[in-house]
């Protein structure tokens, strides 16, 4: 059981998210293996083209920008499967077989023998409801993030989608931002693979709580 690390007003938390939006987009892109630098990310977000950059990487950044815009304009909306699908619609636009809908076929995950089941809508809704019924907001966000990554609900962009959904949960209650910094990626990925193999949240949730939840100190 985690305690909330931060207690901000919704307005303070939205201010923080906007202030860190380029950084958060960069971290989310790197989390999914997008080959960009932070200066490149800032340049793309400023509407300037970057020489010799793959179109896929540019599209990843612009899709994340649009997903964050959607999140920050809909913080008041309830979080549910429809919301997660809408986030994925922005994140995975033009990247996957389909976007904004649950995956209907099998996928594999690199680095692990774990094979996620094809998601069944009723089961997904039930699991999201269970997570959202948790008492503590920070625990809720971390649990959703990890469950979303492992479940691979969508054809593509699952880590990015889960990160944004976790941030929606946090920001709505003023509990900070979830962002996995580049210097934590190695340890995070090692723990994530162990979590995929075991479904043991304790292998990674404390690491995320300690290192990846940020806020404003007063």
N, C-alpha and C. Protein backbone atom coordinates (compact mmCIF):
# COMPACT_ATOMS: atom_id res chain seq x y z
N UNK A 1 0.84 -1.20 0.00
CA UNK A 1 0.00 0.00 0.00
C UNK A 1 0.88 1.25 0.00
N UNK A 2 0.75 2.07 -1.00
CA UNK A 2 1.53 3.29 -1.11
C UNK A 2 0.75 4.49 -0.57
N UNK A 3 1.49 5.46 -0.05
CA UNK A 3 0.90 6.75 0.29
C UNK A 3 1.14 7.69 -0.88
N UNK A 4 0.26 8.67 -1.04
CA UNK A 4 0.48 9.68 -2.08
C UNK A 4 1.71 10.50 -1.72
N UNK A 5 2.59 10.70 -2.69
CA UNK A 5 3.81 11.48 -2.45
C UNK A 5 3.54 12.98 -2.50
N UNK A 6 2.50 13.37 -3.25
CA UNK A 6 2.20 14.79 -3.45
C UNK A 6 0.72 15.05 -3.24
N UNK A 7 0.42 16.26 -2.84
CA UNK A 7 -0.97 16.67 -2.70
C UNK A 7 -1.11 18.08 -3.28
N UNK A 8 -1.39 18.13 -4.57
CA UNK A 8 -1.51 19.39 -5.30
C UNK A 8 -2.96 19.66 -5.62
N UNK A 9 -3.27 20.90 -5.93
CA UNK A 9 -4.58 21.17 -6.51
C UNK A 9 -4.53 20.66 -7.96
N UNK A 10 -5.69 20.47 -8.54
CA UNK A 10 -5.75 20.03 -9.94
C UNK A 10 -5.05 21.07 -10.84
N UNK A 11 -5.25 22.33 -10.53
CA UNK A 11 -4.66 23.41 -11.33
C UNK A 11 -3.13 23.37 -11.23
N UNK A 12 -2.60 23.14 -10.02
CA UNK A 12 -1.15 23.03 -9.85
C UNK A 12 -0.60 21.85 -10.63
N UNK A 13 -1.32 20.74 -10.60
CA UNK A 13 -0.85 19.54 -11.28
C UNK A 13 -0.89 19.71 -12.80
N UNK A 14 -1.93 20.38 -13.30
CA UNK A 14 -2.00 20.67 -14.74
C UNK A 14 -0.87 21.62 -15.14
N UNK A 15 -0.60 22.62 -14.31
CA UNK A 15 0.52 23.54 -14.56
C UNK A 15 1.83 22.76 -14.66
N UNK A 16 2.06 21.83 -13.73
CA UNK A 16 3.27 21.01 -13.71
C UNK A 16 3.36 20.18 -14.99
N UNK A 17 2.25 19.55 -15.38
CA UNK A 17 2.24 18.72 -16.58
C UNK A 17 2.58 19.53 -17.82
N UNK A 18 2.01 20.74 -17.92
CA UNK A 18 2.29 21.60 -19.07
C UNK A 18 3.75 22.04 -19.09
N UNK A 19 4.28 22.34 -17.90
CA UNK A 19 5.67 22.79 -17.78
C UNK A 19 6.64 21.69 -18.23
N UNK A 20 6.28 20.44 -17.93
CA UNK A 20 7.17 19.31 -18.21
C UNK A 20 6.77 18.54 -19.46
N UNK A 21 5.89 19.10 -20.28
CA UNK A 21 5.30 18.30 -21.37
C UNK A 21 6.36 17.82 -22.36
N UNK A 22 7.32 18.66 -22.73
CA UNK A 22 8.35 18.23 -23.68
C UNK A 22 9.19 17.10 -23.08
N UNK A 23 9.54 17.25 -21.80
CA UNK A 23 10.31 16.23 -21.10
C UNK A 23 9.53 14.92 -21.01
N UNK A 24 8.24 15.01 -20.67
CA UNK A 24 7.42 13.80 -20.55
C UNK A 24 7.24 13.10 -21.90
N UNK A 25 7.06 13.88 -22.95
CA UNK A 25 6.93 13.30 -24.29
C UNK A 25 8.24 12.61 -24.68
N UNK A 26 9.35 13.25 -24.40
CA UNK A 26 10.65 12.64 -24.71
C UNK A 26 10.83 11.32 -23.96
N UNK A 27 10.53 11.32 -22.67
CA UNK A 27 10.69 10.10 -21.87
C UNK A 27 9.77 8.99 -22.37
N UNK A 28 8.54 9.33 -22.72
CA UNK A 28 7.60 8.32 -23.23
C UNK A 28 8.08 7.75 -24.57
N UNK A 29 8.62 8.61 -25.42
CA UNK A 29 9.13 8.15 -26.71
C UNK A 29 10.32 7.22 -26.52
N UNK A 30 11.23 7.57 -25.62
CA UNK A 30 12.39 6.72 -25.35
C UNK A 30 11.97 5.39 -24.72
N UNK A 31 10.93 5.44 -23.91
CA UNK A 31 10.42 4.23 -23.26
C UNK A 31 10.03 3.18 -24.29
N UNK A 32 9.51 3.61 -25.44
CA UNK A 32 9.09 2.68 -26.49
C UNK A 32 10.16 2.51 -27.57
N UNK A 33 11.38 3.01 -27.28
CA UNK A 33 12.47 2.78 -28.21
C UNK A 33 12.56 3.76 -29.37
N UNK A 34 11.86 4.88 -29.27
CA UNK A 34 11.92 5.90 -30.32
C UNK A 34 13.31 6.56 -30.30
N UNK A 35 13.94 6.65 -31.45
CA UNK A 35 15.33 7.12 -31.53
C UNK A 35 15.38 8.64 -31.69
N UNK A 36 15.13 9.35 -30.60
CA UNK A 36 15.17 10.82 -30.62
C UNK A 36 15.99 11.33 -29.44
N UNK A 37 16.48 12.56 -29.58
CA UNK A 37 17.13 13.24 -28.46
C UNK A 37 16.14 14.26 -27.88
N UNK A 38 16.46 14.77 -26.70
CA UNK A 38 15.59 15.78 -26.10
C UNK A 38 15.56 17.06 -26.95
N UNK A 39 16.72 17.55 -27.44
CA UNK A 39 16.66 18.73 -28.33
C UNK A 39 15.82 18.48 -29.58
N UNK A 40 15.93 17.28 -30.16
CA UNK A 40 15.10 16.94 -31.33
C UNK A 40 13.62 17.03 -30.98
N UNK A 41 13.29 16.48 -29.81
CA UNK A 41 11.88 16.48 -29.36
C UNK A 41 11.37 17.91 -29.24
N UNK A 42 12.15 18.77 -28.60
CA UNK A 42 11.76 20.18 -28.45
C UNK A 42 11.58 20.85 -29.81
N UNK A 43 12.50 20.56 -30.73
CA UNK A 43 12.44 21.16 -32.06
C UNK A 43 11.18 20.74 -32.81
N UNK A 44 10.86 19.45 -32.74
CA UNK A 44 9.65 18.93 -33.40
C UNK A 44 8.40 19.57 -32.80
N UNK A 45 8.36 19.67 -31.47
CA UNK A 45 7.20 20.26 -30.80
C UNK A 45 7.06 21.75 -31.12
N UNK A 46 8.18 22.38 -31.47
CA UNK A 46 8.14 23.80 -31.87
C UNK A 46 7.73 23.96 -33.33
N UNK A 47 7.49 22.83 -34.01
CA UNK A 47 7.01 22.89 -35.40
C UNK A 47 8.11 23.01 -36.43
N UNK A 48 9.34 22.71 -36.03
CA UNK A 48 10.47 22.81 -36.95
C UNK A 48 10.94 21.40 -37.32
N UNK A 49 11.24 21.18 -38.59
CA UNK A 49 11.68 19.85 -39.01
C UNK A 49 13.12 19.60 -38.57
N UNK A 50 13.44 18.33 -38.34
CA UNK A 50 14.79 17.92 -37.92
C UNK A 50 15.40 17.09 -39.05
N UNK A 51 16.58 17.49 -39.48
CA UNK A 51 17.23 16.79 -40.60
C UNK A 51 17.55 15.35 -40.25
N UNK A 52 17.39 14.45 -41.22
CA UNK A 52 17.77 13.04 -41.11
C UNK A 52 17.00 12.26 -40.03
N UNK A 53 15.86 12.76 -39.63
CA UNK A 53 15.06 12.02 -38.65
C UNK A 53 14.00 11.19 -39.36
N UNK A 54 13.85 9.94 -38.91
CA UNK A 54 12.85 9.06 -39.52
C UNK A 54 11.45 9.62 -39.30
N UNK A 55 10.61 9.47 -40.31
CA UNK A 55 9.24 9.97 -40.22
C UNK A 55 8.48 9.30 -39.08
N UNK A 56 8.77 8.01 -38.84
CA UNK A 56 8.10 7.29 -37.75
C UNK A 56 8.38 7.93 -36.40
N UNK A 57 9.64 8.37 -36.20
CA UNK A 57 10.01 8.99 -34.93
C UNK A 57 9.35 10.35 -34.76
N UNK A 58 9.28 11.10 -35.86
CA UNK A 58 8.58 12.40 -35.81
C UNK A 58 7.11 12.19 -35.48
N UNK A 59 6.50 11.20 -36.13
CA UNK A 59 5.08 10.92 -35.90
C UNK A 59 4.83 10.49 -34.46
N UNK A 60 5.76 9.71 -33.89
CA UNK A 60 5.64 9.30 -32.49
C UNK A 60 5.55 10.51 -31.57
N UNK A 61 6.43 11.50 -31.79
CA UNK A 61 6.44 12.73 -30.97
C UNK A 61 5.14 13.51 -31.15
N UNK A 62 4.71 13.69 -32.39
CA UNK A 62 3.50 14.47 -32.65
C UNK A 62 2.25 13.77 -32.11
N UNK A 63 2.22 12.44 -32.19
CA UNK A 63 1.09 11.69 -31.62
C UNK A 63 1.03 11.84 -30.11
N UNK A 64 2.20 11.80 -29.46
CA UNK A 64 2.25 11.99 -28.01
C UNK A 64 1.80 13.41 -27.64
N UNK A 65 2.22 14.39 -28.44
CA UNK A 65 1.77 15.77 -28.20
C UNK A 65 0.25 15.86 -28.22
N UNK A 66 -0.37 15.24 -29.22
CA UNK A 66 -1.83 15.31 -29.35
C UNK A 66 -2.52 14.53 -28.22
N UNK A 67 -1.91 13.42 -27.80
CA UNK A 67 -2.49 12.64 -26.70
C UNK A 67 -2.45 13.44 -25.39
N UNK A 68 -1.33 14.15 -25.15
CA UNK A 68 -1.23 14.98 -23.95
C UNK A 68 -2.24 16.14 -23.99
N UNK A 69 -2.42 16.72 -25.18
CA UNK A 69 -3.43 17.79 -25.31
C UNK A 69 -4.81 17.26 -24.95
N UNK A 70 -5.11 16.08 -25.45
CA UNK A 70 -6.41 15.47 -25.13
C UNK A 70 -6.53 15.23 -23.63
N UNK A 71 -5.50 14.66 -23.03
CA UNK A 71 -5.53 14.36 -21.59
C UNK A 71 -5.79 15.64 -20.78
N UNK A 72 -5.03 16.69 -21.07
CA UNK A 72 -5.12 17.90 -20.27
C UNK A 72 -6.44 18.65 -20.48
N UNK A 73 -7.11 18.39 -21.59
CA UNK A 73 -8.41 19.03 -21.83
C UNK A 73 -9.58 18.19 -21.33
N UNK A 74 -9.29 16.96 -20.85
CA UNK A 74 -10.37 16.06 -20.42
C UNK A 74 -10.11 15.47 -19.03
N UNK A 75 -9.34 16.20 -18.22
CA UNK A 75 -9.00 15.70 -16.88
C UNK A 75 -10.24 15.40 -16.05
N UNK A 76 -11.32 16.14 -16.29
CA UNK A 76 -12.54 15.97 -15.50
C UNK A 76 -13.32 14.70 -15.88
N UNK A 77 -13.04 14.15 -17.04
CA UNK A 77 -13.79 12.96 -17.48
C UNK A 77 -13.43 11.76 -16.63
N UNK A 78 -14.39 10.83 -16.44
CA UNK A 78 -14.07 9.60 -15.69
C UNK A 78 -13.10 8.74 -16.49
N UNK A 79 -12.24 8.01 -15.77
CA UNK A 79 -11.32 7.12 -16.46
C UNK A 79 -11.95 5.74 -16.59
N UNK A 80 -11.98 5.22 -17.80
CA UNK A 80 -12.54 3.89 -18.07
C UNK A 80 -11.92 3.37 -19.37
N UNK A 81 -12.41 2.24 -19.85
CA UNK A 81 -11.85 1.65 -21.06
C UNK A 81 -12.00 2.58 -22.26
N UNK A 82 -13.13 3.23 -22.37
CA UNK A 82 -13.33 4.15 -23.51
C UNK A 82 -12.27 5.25 -23.52
N UNK A 83 -11.94 5.74 -22.33
CA UNK A 83 -10.92 6.78 -22.22
C UNK A 83 -9.56 6.24 -22.67
N UNK A 84 -9.21 5.05 -22.19
CA UNK A 84 -7.93 4.43 -22.57
C UNK A 84 -7.86 4.21 -24.08
N UNK A 85 -8.98 3.80 -24.67
CA UNK A 85 -9.03 3.60 -26.13
C UNK A 85 -8.81 4.92 -26.87
N UNK A 86 -9.39 5.98 -26.34
CA UNK A 86 -9.22 7.29 -26.98
C UNK A 86 -7.76 7.75 -26.91
N UNK A 87 -7.12 7.51 -25.77
CA UNK A 87 -5.70 7.85 -25.64
C UNK A 87 -4.89 7.07 -26.67
N UNK A 88 -5.16 5.77 -26.80
CA UNK A 88 -4.43 4.95 -27.77
C UNK A 88 -4.69 5.40 -29.20
N UNK A 89 -5.89 5.93 -29.44
CA UNK A 89 -6.22 6.43 -30.77
C UNK A 89 -5.25 7.55 -31.18
N UNK A 90 -4.90 8.40 -30.22
CA UNK A 90 -3.92 9.45 -30.50
C UNK A 90 -2.51 8.88 -30.58
N UNK A 91 -2.15 8.06 -29.60
CA UNK A 91 -0.78 7.56 -29.47
C UNK A 91 -0.34 6.72 -30.67
N UNK A 92 -1.21 5.81 -31.11
CA UNK A 92 -0.82 4.82 -32.12
C UNK A 92 -1.33 5.16 -33.52
N UNK A 93 -1.81 6.36 -33.70
CA UNK A 93 -2.36 6.78 -34.99
C UNK A 93 -1.35 6.54 -36.12
N UNK A 94 -1.78 5.83 -37.13
CA UNK A 94 -0.96 5.50 -38.31
C UNK A 94 0.25 4.61 -38.01
N UNK A 95 0.32 4.04 -36.80
CA UNK A 95 1.46 3.20 -36.44
C UNK A 95 1.14 1.72 -36.45
N UNK A 96 -0.10 1.35 -36.22
CA UNK A 96 -0.42 -0.05 -36.01
C UNK A 96 -1.55 -0.51 -36.92
N UNK A 97 -1.90 -1.79 -36.82
CA UNK A 97 -2.98 -2.35 -37.64
C UNK A 97 -4.28 -1.58 -37.43
N UNK A 98 -4.58 -1.35 -36.16
CA UNK A 98 -5.74 -0.54 -35.76
C UNK A 98 -5.33 0.25 -34.53
N UNK A 99 -5.97 1.37 -34.31
CA UNK A 99 -5.68 2.15 -33.11
C UNK A 99 -6.99 2.58 -32.47
N UNK A 100 -6.97 2.68 -31.14
CA UNK A 100 -8.17 3.11 -30.41
C UNK A 100 -9.16 1.99 -30.17
N UNK A 101 -8.78 0.74 -30.48
CA UNK A 101 -9.64 -0.42 -30.23
C UNK A 101 -8.79 -1.53 -29.63
N UNK A 102 -9.44 -2.42 -28.88
CA UNK A 102 -8.72 -3.53 -28.28
C UNK A 102 -8.13 -4.45 -29.34
N UNK A 103 -6.97 -4.97 -29.04
CA UNK A 103 -6.28 -5.91 -29.93
C UNK A 103 -7.14 -7.17 -30.12
N UNK A 104 -7.16 -7.70 -31.34
CA UNK A 104 -7.97 -8.89 -31.64
C UNK A 104 -7.12 -10.08 -32.08
N UNK A 105 -5.80 -9.95 -32.00
CA UNK A 105 -4.91 -11.05 -32.38
C UNK A 105 -3.78 -11.18 -31.39
N UNK A 106 -2.95 -12.21 -31.60
CA UNK A 106 -1.85 -12.49 -30.67
C UNK A 106 -0.65 -11.60 -30.97
N UNK A 107 0.09 -11.27 -29.91
CA UNK A 107 1.34 -10.51 -30.04
C UNK A 107 2.38 -11.13 -29.11
N UNK A 108 3.63 -10.87 -29.41
CA UNK A 108 4.72 -11.26 -28.52
C UNK A 108 5.40 -10.02 -27.97
N UNK A 109 6.18 -10.20 -26.90
CA UNK A 109 6.93 -9.10 -26.30
C UNK A 109 8.40 -9.48 -26.30
N UNK A 110 9.24 -8.61 -26.85
CA UNK A 110 10.67 -8.89 -26.91
C UNK A 110 11.29 -9.05 -25.53
N UNK A 111 12.17 -10.04 -25.40
CA UNK A 111 12.92 -10.23 -24.16
C UNK A 111 12.26 -11.12 -23.14
N UNK A 112 11.06 -11.61 -23.44
CA UNK A 112 10.34 -12.46 -22.49
C UNK A 112 9.55 -13.53 -23.25
N UNK A 113 9.35 -14.67 -22.58
CA UNK A 113 8.52 -15.73 -23.17
C UNK A 113 7.03 -15.52 -22.89
N UNK A 114 6.73 -14.54 -22.05
CA UNK A 114 5.33 -14.27 -21.69
C UNK A 114 4.52 -13.87 -22.93
N UNK A 115 3.37 -14.49 -23.09
CA UNK A 115 2.48 -14.19 -24.22
C UNK A 115 1.15 -13.65 -23.66
N UNK A 116 0.90 -12.37 -23.83
CA UNK A 116 -0.37 -11.81 -23.31
C UNK A 116 -1.57 -12.39 -24.05
N UNK A 117 -2.62 -12.65 -23.30
CA UNK A 117 -3.85 -13.17 -23.90
C UNK A 117 -4.52 -12.08 -24.76
N UNK A 118 -5.31 -12.53 -25.72
CA UNK A 118 -6.11 -11.58 -26.49
C UNK A 118 -7.14 -10.97 -25.53
N UNK A 119 -7.19 -9.64 -25.41
CA UNK A 119 -8.10 -9.03 -24.43
C UNK A 119 -9.57 -9.24 -24.76
N UNK A 120 -10.35 -9.56 -23.73
CA UNK A 120 -11.81 -9.70 -23.83
C UNK A 120 -12.42 -8.48 -23.14
N UNK A 121 -13.26 -7.75 -23.84
CA UNK A 121 -13.74 -6.46 -23.33
C UNK A 121 -14.31 -6.56 -21.92
N UNK A 122 -15.16 -7.53 -21.66
CA UNK A 122 -15.79 -7.66 -20.34
C UNK A 122 -14.74 -7.83 -19.24
N UNK A 123 -13.72 -8.64 -19.51
CA UNK A 123 -12.65 -8.87 -18.53
C UNK A 123 -11.81 -7.62 -18.31
N UNK A 124 -11.57 -6.89 -19.40
CA UNK A 124 -10.79 -5.65 -19.30
C UNK A 124 -11.53 -4.62 -18.46
N UNK A 125 -12.82 -4.47 -18.73
CA UNK A 125 -13.65 -3.51 -17.96
C UNK A 125 -13.65 -3.89 -16.48
N UNK A 126 -13.79 -5.17 -16.20
CA UNK A 126 -13.81 -5.64 -14.81
C UNK A 126 -12.48 -5.33 -14.11
N UNK A 127 -11.37 -5.57 -14.81
CA UNK A 127 -10.07 -5.31 -14.21
C UNK A 127 -9.83 -3.82 -13.99
N UNK A 128 -10.22 -2.99 -14.95
CA UNK A 128 -10.08 -1.54 -14.78
C UNK A 128 -10.92 -1.06 -13.59
N UNK A 129 -12.13 -1.58 -13.47
CA UNK A 129 -12.99 -1.21 -12.33
C UNK A 129 -12.35 -1.59 -11.00
N UNK A 130 -11.70 -2.76 -10.96
CA UNK A 130 -11.01 -3.20 -9.73
C UNK A 130 -9.87 -2.25 -9.38
N UNK A 131 -9.10 -1.88 -10.39
CA UNK A 131 -7.98 -0.97 -10.15
C UNK A 131 -8.49 0.40 -9.70
N UNK A 132 -9.52 0.89 -10.35
CA UNK A 132 -10.05 2.22 -10.01
C UNK A 132 -10.74 2.23 -8.65
N UNK A 133 -11.06 1.06 -8.11
CA UNK A 133 -11.68 0.97 -6.78
C UNK A 133 -10.64 1.01 -5.66
N UNK A 134 -9.35 0.94 -6.00
CA UNK A 134 -8.31 1.03 -4.99
C UNK A 134 -8.41 2.39 -4.30
N UNK A 135 -8.07 2.42 -3.03
CA UNK A 135 -8.28 3.62 -2.23
C UNK A 135 -7.28 4.72 -2.56
N UNK A 136 -6.01 4.35 -2.79
CA UNK A 136 -4.95 5.33 -2.94
C UNK A 136 -4.70 5.66 -4.42
N UNK A 137 -4.66 6.94 -4.75
CA UNK A 137 -4.53 7.37 -6.15
C UNK A 137 -3.21 6.97 -6.76
N UNK A 138 -2.10 7.16 -6.03
CA UNK A 138 -0.79 6.81 -6.58
C UNK A 138 -0.68 5.32 -6.83
N UNK A 139 -1.18 4.52 -5.90
CA UNK A 139 -1.19 3.07 -6.08
C UNK A 139 -2.04 2.69 -7.30
N UNK A 140 -3.16 3.36 -7.43
CA UNK A 140 -4.08 3.13 -8.56
C UNK A 140 -3.35 3.38 -9.89
N UNK A 141 -2.63 4.51 -9.96
CA UNK A 141 -1.94 4.89 -11.20
C UNK A 141 -0.82 3.91 -11.54
N UNK A 142 -0.02 3.54 -10.53
CA UNK A 142 1.08 2.60 -10.77
C UNK A 142 0.53 1.23 -11.18
N UNK A 143 -0.51 0.79 -10.50
CA UNK A 143 -1.10 -0.52 -10.82
C UNK A 143 -1.67 -0.52 -12.24
N UNK A 144 -2.37 0.56 -12.61
CA UNK A 144 -2.92 0.61 -13.96
C UNK A 144 -1.79 0.62 -14.99
N UNK A 145 -0.77 1.42 -14.75
CA UNK A 145 0.35 1.50 -15.68
C UNK A 145 0.95 0.12 -15.94
N UNK A 146 1.26 -0.60 -14.87
CA UNK A 146 1.90 -1.92 -15.01
C UNK A 146 0.95 -2.93 -15.63
N UNK A 147 -0.28 -2.93 -15.18
CA UNK A 147 -1.26 -3.87 -15.74
C UNK A 147 -1.48 -3.59 -17.23
N UNK A 148 -1.56 -2.31 -17.61
CA UNK A 148 -1.77 -1.95 -19.01
C UNK A 148 -0.59 -2.38 -19.88
N UNK A 149 0.63 -2.19 -19.35
CA UNK A 149 1.82 -2.61 -20.11
C UNK A 149 1.81 -4.13 -20.30
N UNK A 150 1.53 -4.87 -19.25
CA UNK A 150 1.60 -6.33 -19.32
C UNK A 150 0.45 -6.91 -20.14
N UNK A 151 -0.71 -6.30 -20.07
CA UNK A 151 -1.88 -6.82 -20.77
C UNK A 151 -1.80 -6.60 -22.28
N UNK A 152 -1.02 -5.58 -22.70
CA UNK A 152 -0.91 -5.29 -24.14
C UNK A 152 -2.31 -5.20 -24.77
N UNK A 153 -3.11 -4.30 -24.24
CA UNK A 153 -4.51 -4.18 -24.68
C UNK A 153 -4.62 -3.82 -26.16
N UNK A 154 -3.61 -3.11 -26.66
CA UNK A 154 -3.69 -2.56 -28.02
C UNK A 154 -2.60 -3.15 -28.91
N UNK A 155 -2.75 -2.96 -30.22
CA UNK A 155 -1.77 -3.50 -31.16
C UNK A 155 -0.40 -2.83 -31.00
N UNK A 156 -0.39 -1.57 -30.63
CA UNK A 156 0.88 -0.85 -30.51
C UNK A 156 0.72 0.29 -29.52
N UNK A 157 1.87 0.79 -29.02
CA UNK A 157 1.85 1.96 -28.15
C UNK A 157 1.35 1.69 -26.74
N UNK A 158 1.50 0.46 -26.26
CA UNK A 158 0.92 0.12 -24.95
C UNK A 158 1.61 0.83 -23.78
N UNK A 159 2.94 0.94 -23.82
CA UNK A 159 3.62 1.62 -22.72
C UNK A 159 3.30 3.12 -22.73
N UNK A 160 3.28 3.70 -23.92
CA UNK A 160 2.93 5.13 -24.02
C UNK A 160 1.49 5.37 -23.55
N UNK A 161 0.58 4.51 -24.01
CA UNK A 161 -0.84 4.65 -23.63
C UNK A 161 -1.00 4.49 -22.13
N UNK A 162 -0.34 3.48 -21.56
CA UNK A 162 -0.46 3.22 -20.11
C UNK A 162 0.14 4.36 -19.29
N UNK A 163 1.24 4.94 -19.78
CA UNK A 163 1.85 6.08 -19.09
C UNK A 163 0.88 7.26 -19.05
N UNK A 164 0.27 7.56 -20.17
CA UNK A 164 -0.69 8.67 -20.24
C UNK A 164 -1.91 8.40 -19.37
N UNK A 165 -2.41 7.19 -19.39
CA UNK A 165 -3.58 6.85 -18.57
C UNK A 165 -3.25 6.98 -17.08
N UNK A 166 -2.06 6.52 -16.70
CA UNK A 166 -1.63 6.66 -15.30
C UNK A 166 -1.54 8.13 -14.92
N UNK A 167 -1.05 8.96 -15.85
CA UNK A 167 -0.96 10.39 -15.58
C UNK A 167 -2.33 11.05 -15.48
N UNK A 168 -3.28 10.58 -16.27
CA UNK A 168 -4.65 11.10 -16.16
C UNK A 168 -5.19 10.83 -14.76
N UNK A 169 -4.95 9.62 -14.25
CA UNK A 169 -5.41 9.23 -12.91
C UNK A 169 -4.76 10.12 -11.85
N UNK A 170 -3.46 10.35 -11.98
CA UNK A 170 -2.73 11.18 -11.01
C UNK A 170 -3.14 12.65 -11.07
N UNK A 171 -3.17 13.21 -12.27
CA UNK A 171 -3.45 14.64 -12.42
C UNK A 171 -4.85 15.00 -11.95
N UNK A 172 -5.81 14.12 -12.22
CA UNK A 172 -7.20 14.38 -11.82
C UNK A 172 -7.33 14.57 -10.32
N UNK A 173 -6.42 13.95 -9.55
CA UNK A 173 -6.47 14.04 -8.09
C UNK A 173 -5.33 14.86 -7.50
N UNK A 174 -4.52 15.48 -8.37
CA UNK A 174 -3.43 16.33 -7.88
C UNK A 174 -2.30 15.56 -7.21
N UNK A 175 -1.96 14.37 -7.75
CA UNK A 175 -0.98 13.52 -7.08
C UNK A 175 0.35 13.41 -7.83
N UNK A 176 0.60 14.32 -8.76
CA UNK A 176 1.90 14.35 -9.41
C UNK A 176 1.87 13.81 -10.83
N UNK A 177 3.06 13.43 -11.31
CA UNK A 177 3.27 12.97 -12.68
C UNK A 177 4.06 11.66 -12.64
N UNK A 178 3.72 10.73 -13.51
CA UNK A 178 4.52 9.52 -13.68
C UNK A 178 5.38 9.69 -14.93
N UNK A 179 6.70 9.64 -14.76
CA UNK A 179 7.61 9.81 -15.89
C UNK A 179 8.86 8.98 -15.63
N UNK A 180 9.21 8.11 -16.58
CA UNK A 180 10.38 7.25 -16.41
C UNK A 180 11.54 7.89 -17.14
N UNK A 181 12.46 8.46 -16.36
CA UNK A 181 13.58 9.20 -16.94
C UNK A 181 14.56 8.26 -17.63
N UNK A 182 15.32 8.83 -18.56
CA UNK A 182 16.22 8.02 -19.38
C UNK A 182 17.24 7.26 -18.54
N UNK A 183 17.75 7.91 -17.48
CA UNK A 183 18.76 7.21 -16.68
C UNK A 183 18.19 6.10 -15.81
N UNK A 184 16.87 5.99 -15.74
CA UNK A 184 16.22 4.88 -15.02
C UNK A 184 15.75 3.78 -15.97
N UNK A 185 15.91 3.98 -17.27
CA UNK A 185 15.33 3.05 -18.25
C UNK A 185 15.92 1.64 -18.16
N UNK A 186 17.24 1.55 -17.96
CA UNK A 186 17.87 0.23 -17.90
C UNK A 186 17.30 -0.61 -16.77
N UNK A 187 17.27 -0.02 -15.58
CA UNK A 187 16.73 -0.75 -14.41
C UNK A 187 15.24 -1.01 -14.56
N UNK A 188 14.53 -0.02 -15.09
CA UNK A 188 13.09 -0.19 -15.30
C UNK A 188 12.81 -1.36 -16.24
N UNK A 189 13.51 -1.40 -17.37
CA UNK A 189 13.26 -2.46 -18.35
C UNK A 189 13.61 -3.84 -17.80
N UNK A 190 14.67 -3.92 -17.02
CA UNK A 190 15.04 -5.19 -16.39
C UNK A 190 13.93 -5.67 -15.45
N UNK A 191 13.43 -4.74 -14.64
CA UNK A 191 12.36 -5.10 -13.71
C UNK A 191 11.05 -5.39 -14.45
N UNK A 192 10.81 -4.67 -15.55
CA UNK A 192 9.58 -4.87 -16.31
C UNK A 192 9.54 -6.27 -16.91
N UNK A 193 10.66 -6.74 -17.44
CA UNK A 193 10.71 -8.10 -18.00
C UNK A 193 10.44 -9.13 -16.90
N UNK A 194 11.02 -8.93 -15.73
CA UNK A 194 10.75 -9.85 -14.60
C UNK A 194 9.27 -9.82 -14.22
N UNK A 195 8.67 -8.63 -14.27
CA UNK A 195 7.24 -8.50 -13.98
C UNK A 195 6.40 -9.20 -15.05
N UNK A 196 6.77 -9.04 -16.32
CA UNK A 196 6.05 -9.73 -17.39
C UNK A 196 6.08 -11.24 -17.15
N UNK A 197 7.25 -11.76 -16.79
CA UNK A 197 7.39 -13.21 -16.61
C UNK A 197 6.60 -13.73 -15.41
N UNK A 198 6.51 -12.92 -14.35
CA UNK A 198 5.99 -13.42 -13.08
C UNK A 198 4.62 -12.87 -12.68
N UNK A 199 4.24 -11.71 -13.24
CA UNK A 199 3.04 -10.98 -12.80
C UNK A 199 3.14 -10.58 -11.33
N UNK A 200 4.37 -10.41 -10.84
CA UNK A 200 4.61 -10.02 -9.46
C UNK A 200 4.89 -8.52 -9.43
N UNK A 201 3.88 -7.76 -9.01
CA UNK A 201 3.99 -6.29 -9.01
C UNK A 201 5.10 -5.79 -8.07
N UNK A 202 5.40 -6.56 -7.02
CA UNK A 202 6.38 -6.11 -6.03
C UNK A 202 7.80 -6.04 -6.61
N UNK A 203 8.02 -6.64 -7.77
CA UNK A 203 9.34 -6.59 -8.40
C UNK A 203 9.63 -5.21 -9.01
N UNK A 204 8.59 -4.39 -9.18
CA UNK A 204 8.79 -3.12 -9.90
C UNK A 204 8.01 -1.94 -9.32
N UNK A 205 6.93 -2.19 -8.59
CA UNK A 205 6.08 -1.05 -8.20
C UNK A 205 6.78 -0.08 -7.25
N UNK A 206 7.60 -0.60 -6.31
CA UNK A 206 8.32 0.28 -5.39
C UNK A 206 9.35 1.13 -6.13
N UNK A 207 9.99 0.52 -7.13
CA UNK A 207 10.97 1.25 -7.95
C UNK A 207 10.29 2.43 -8.65
N UNK A 208 9.11 2.20 -9.20
CA UNK A 208 8.38 3.28 -9.87
C UNK A 208 7.98 4.36 -8.87
N UNK A 209 7.48 3.94 -7.71
CA UNK A 209 7.07 4.88 -6.67
C UNK A 209 8.25 5.76 -6.25
N UNK A 210 9.40 5.14 -6.04
CA UNK A 210 10.57 5.87 -5.53
C UNK A 210 11.20 6.78 -6.59
N UNK A 211 11.19 6.36 -7.84
CA UNK A 211 11.98 7.03 -8.87
C UNK A 211 11.19 7.75 -9.96
N UNK A 212 9.94 7.40 -10.13
CA UNK A 212 9.22 7.85 -11.34
C UNK A 212 7.96 8.68 -11.06
N UNK A 213 7.66 8.94 -9.80
CA UNK A 213 6.54 9.82 -9.47
C UNK A 213 7.12 11.16 -9.03
N UNK A 214 6.82 12.21 -9.78
CA UNK A 214 7.40 13.53 -9.48
C UNK A 214 6.28 14.54 -9.24
N UNK A 215 6.62 15.63 -8.56
CA UNK A 215 5.61 16.64 -8.25
C UNK A 215 6.25 17.96 -7.88
N UNK A 216 5.51 18.79 -7.19
CA UNK A 216 6.01 20.09 -6.73
C UNK A 216 6.18 20.03 -5.22
N UNK A 217 7.38 20.38 -4.75
CA UNK A 217 7.65 20.43 -3.31
C UNK A 217 7.38 21.84 -2.80
N UNK A 218 6.56 21.94 -1.76
CA UNK A 218 6.29 23.26 -1.17
C UNK A 218 6.97 23.37 0.17
